Amino acid sequence: MKTNQLAAKADRAYLQANGSGGIYGAMYYSHNLHFIAACSGMNGNYADARKAAECWQPHVGPQVKDIPPLKDS
């Protein structure tokens, strides 16, 4: 999980410098946040799991309408 935390930190810096639109925020950053949320939940650290999930939603939510397999989920 530490690797994903470090990667998410680097992702935030990248997104701040380059904007949050596009595939980077939707996929790469979201991948790291998803793993942080999942690992935190499995470790019983629900506050960190929720925090990661709340950071994740703004990057994935807007993209769902453009990804056919997710439209009907």
C-alpha atoms as a PDB file:
ATOM      1  CA  MET A   1       0.000   0.000   0.000  1.00  0.00           C
ATOM      2  CA  LYS A   2       2.906   2.365   0.684  1.00  0.00           C
ATOM      3  CA  THR A   3       3.835   2.222  -3.015  1.00  0.00           C
ATOM      4  CA  ASN A   4       0.314   3.281  -4.012  1.00  0.00           C
ATOM      5  CA  GLN A   5       0.371   6.101  -1.450  1.00  0.00           C
ATOM      6  CA  LEU A   6       3.635   7.404  -2.899  1.00  0.00           C
ATOM      7  CA  ALA A   7       2.318   7.007  -6.439  1.00  0.00           C
ATOM      8  CA  ALA A   8      -0.915   8.868  -5.557  1.00  0.00           C
ATOM      9  CA  LYS A   9       1.161  11.709  -4.119  1.00  0.00           C
ATOM     10  CA  ALA A  10       3.123  11.921  -7.380  1.00  0.00           C
ATOM     11  CA  ASP A  11      -0.148  11.704  -9.335  1.00  0.00           C
ATOM     12  CA  ARG A  12      -1.608  14.652  -7.409  1.00  0.00           C
ATOM     13  CA  ALA A  13       1.461  16.744  -8.245  1.00  0.00           C
ATOM     14  CA  TYR A  14       1.188  15.777 -11.912  1.00  0.00           C
ATOM     15  CA  LEU A  15      -2.540  16.544 -12.038  1.00  0.00           C
ATOM     16  CA  GLN A  16      -2.050  19.872 -10.307  1.00  0.00           C
ATOM     17  CA  ALA A  17       0.594  20.858 -12.853  1.00  0.00           C
ATOM     18  CA  ASN A  18      -1.217  19.487 -15.920  1.00  0.00           C
ATOM     19  CA  GLY A  19      -4.924  19.500 -15.146  1.00  0.00           C
ATOM     20  CA  SER A  20      -7.165  16.701 -13.988  1.00  0.00           C
ATOM     21  CA  GLY A  21      -8.956  15.918 -17.218  1.00  0.00           C
ATOM     22  CA  GLY A  22      -8.390  12.924 -19.406  1.00  0.00           C
ATOM     23  CA  ILE A  23      -7.260   9.393 -18.934  1.00  0.00           C
ATOM     24  CA  TYR A  24      -4.510  10.083 -16.392  1.00  0.00           C
ATOM     25  CA  GLY A  25      -6.853  11.173 -13.623  1.00  0.00           C
ATOM     26  CA  ALA A  26      -9.499   8.651 -14.572  1.00  0.00           C
ATOM     27  CA  MET A  27      -7.219   5.646 -14.755  1.00  0.00           C
ATOM     28  CA  TYR A  28      -3.709   6.024 -13.328  1.00  0.00           C
ATOM     29  CA  TYR A  29      -4.507   8.161 -10.292  1.00  0.00           C
ATOM     30  CA  SER A  30      -7.742   6.257  -9.731  1.00  0.00           C
ATOM     31  CA  HIS A  31      -5.887   2.938  -9.801  1.00  0.00           C
ATOM     32  CA  ASN A  32      -3.678   4.066  -6.923  1.00  0.00           C
ATOM     33  CA  LEU A  33      -6.624   5.450  -4.948  1.00  0.00           C
ATOM     34  CA  HIS A  34      -8.574   2.235  -5.501  1.00  0.00           C
ATOM     35  CA  PHE A  35      -5.753   0.141  -4.088  1.00  0.00           C
ATOM     36  CA  ILE A  36      -5.347   2.470  -1.106  1.00  0.00           C
ATOM     37  CA  ALA A  37      -9.082   2.226  -0.396  1.00  0.00           C
ATOM     38  CA  ALA A  38      -9.165  -1.561  -0.793  1.00  0.00           C
ATOM     39  CA  CYS A  39      -6.058  -2.199   1.321  1.00  0.00           C
ATOM     40  CA  SER A  40      -7.175   0.235   4.005  1.00  0.00           C
ATOM     41  CA  GLY A  41     -10.562  -1.457   4.195  1.00  0.00           C
ATOM     42  CA  MET A  42      -8.985  -4.907   4.429  1.00  0.00           C
ATOM     43  CA  ASN A  43      -6.772  -3.625   7.232  1.00  0.00           C
ATOM     44  CA  GLY A  44      -9.810  -2.288   9.095  1.00  0.00           C
ATOM     45  CA  ASN A  45      -8.791   1.332   8.531  1.00  0.00           C
ATOM     46  CA  TYR A  46     -12.158   2.536   7.292  1.00  0.00           C
ATOM     47  CA  ALA A  47     -11.414   6.248   7.685  1.00  0.00           C
ATOM     48  CA  ASP A  48      -8.497   6.021   5.231  1.00  0.00           C
ATOM     49  CA  ALA A  49     -10.533   3.770   2.934  1.00  0.00           C
ATOM     50  CA  ARG A  50     -13.320   6.347   2.800  1.00  0.00           C
ATOM     51  CA  LYS A  51     -10.871   9.219   2.301  1.00  0.00           C
ATOM     52  CA  ALA A  52      -9.289   7.456  -0.690  1.00  0.00           C
ATOM     53  CA  ALA A  53     -12.721   6.623  -2.128  1.00  0.00           C
ATOM     54  CA  GLU A  54     -13.833  10.240  -1.784  1.00  0.00           C
ATOM     55  CA  CYS A  55     -10.716  11.365  -3.687  1.00  0.00           C
ATOM     56  CA  TRP A  56     -11.354   8.691  -6.308  1.00  0.00           C
ATOM     57  CA  GLN A  57     -14.967   9.524  -7.206  1.00  0.00           C
ATOM     58  CA  PRO A  58     -14.365  12.939  -8.846  1.00  0.00           C
ATOM     59  CA  HIS A  59     -11.860  11.379 -11.257  1.00  0.00           C
ATOM     60  CA  VAL A  60     -13.995   8.384 -12.204  1.00  0.00           C
ATOM     61  CA  GLY A  61     -17.564   9.695 -12.020  1.00  0.00           C
ATOM     62  CA  PRO A  62     -17.383  12.069 -15.004  1.00  0.00           C
ATOM     63  CA  GLN A  63     -15.746   9.385 -17.150  1.00  0.00           C
ATOM     64  CA  VAL A  64     -18.405   6.712 -16.567  1.00  0.00           C
ATOM     65  CA  LYS A  65     -20.730   8.116 -19.246  1.00  0.00           C
ATOM     66  CA  ASP A  66     -17.943   7.732 -21.814  1.00  0.00           C
ATOM     67  CA  ILE A  67     -17.020   4.124 -20.948  1.00  0.00           C
ATOM     68  CA  PRO A  68     -19.662   1.783 -22.420  1.00  0.00           C
ATOM     69  CA  PRO A  69     -19.148  -1.158 -20.010  1.00  0.00           C
ATOM     70  CA  LEU A  70     -19.771   1.144 -17.047  1.00  0.00           C
ATOM     71  CA  LYS A  71     -22.871   2.912 -18.373  1.00  0.00           C
ATOM     72  CA  ASP A  72     -25.292   0.174 -17.350  1.00  0.00           C
ATOM     73  CA  SER A  73     -23.586  -0.771 -14.087  1.00  0.00           C
END
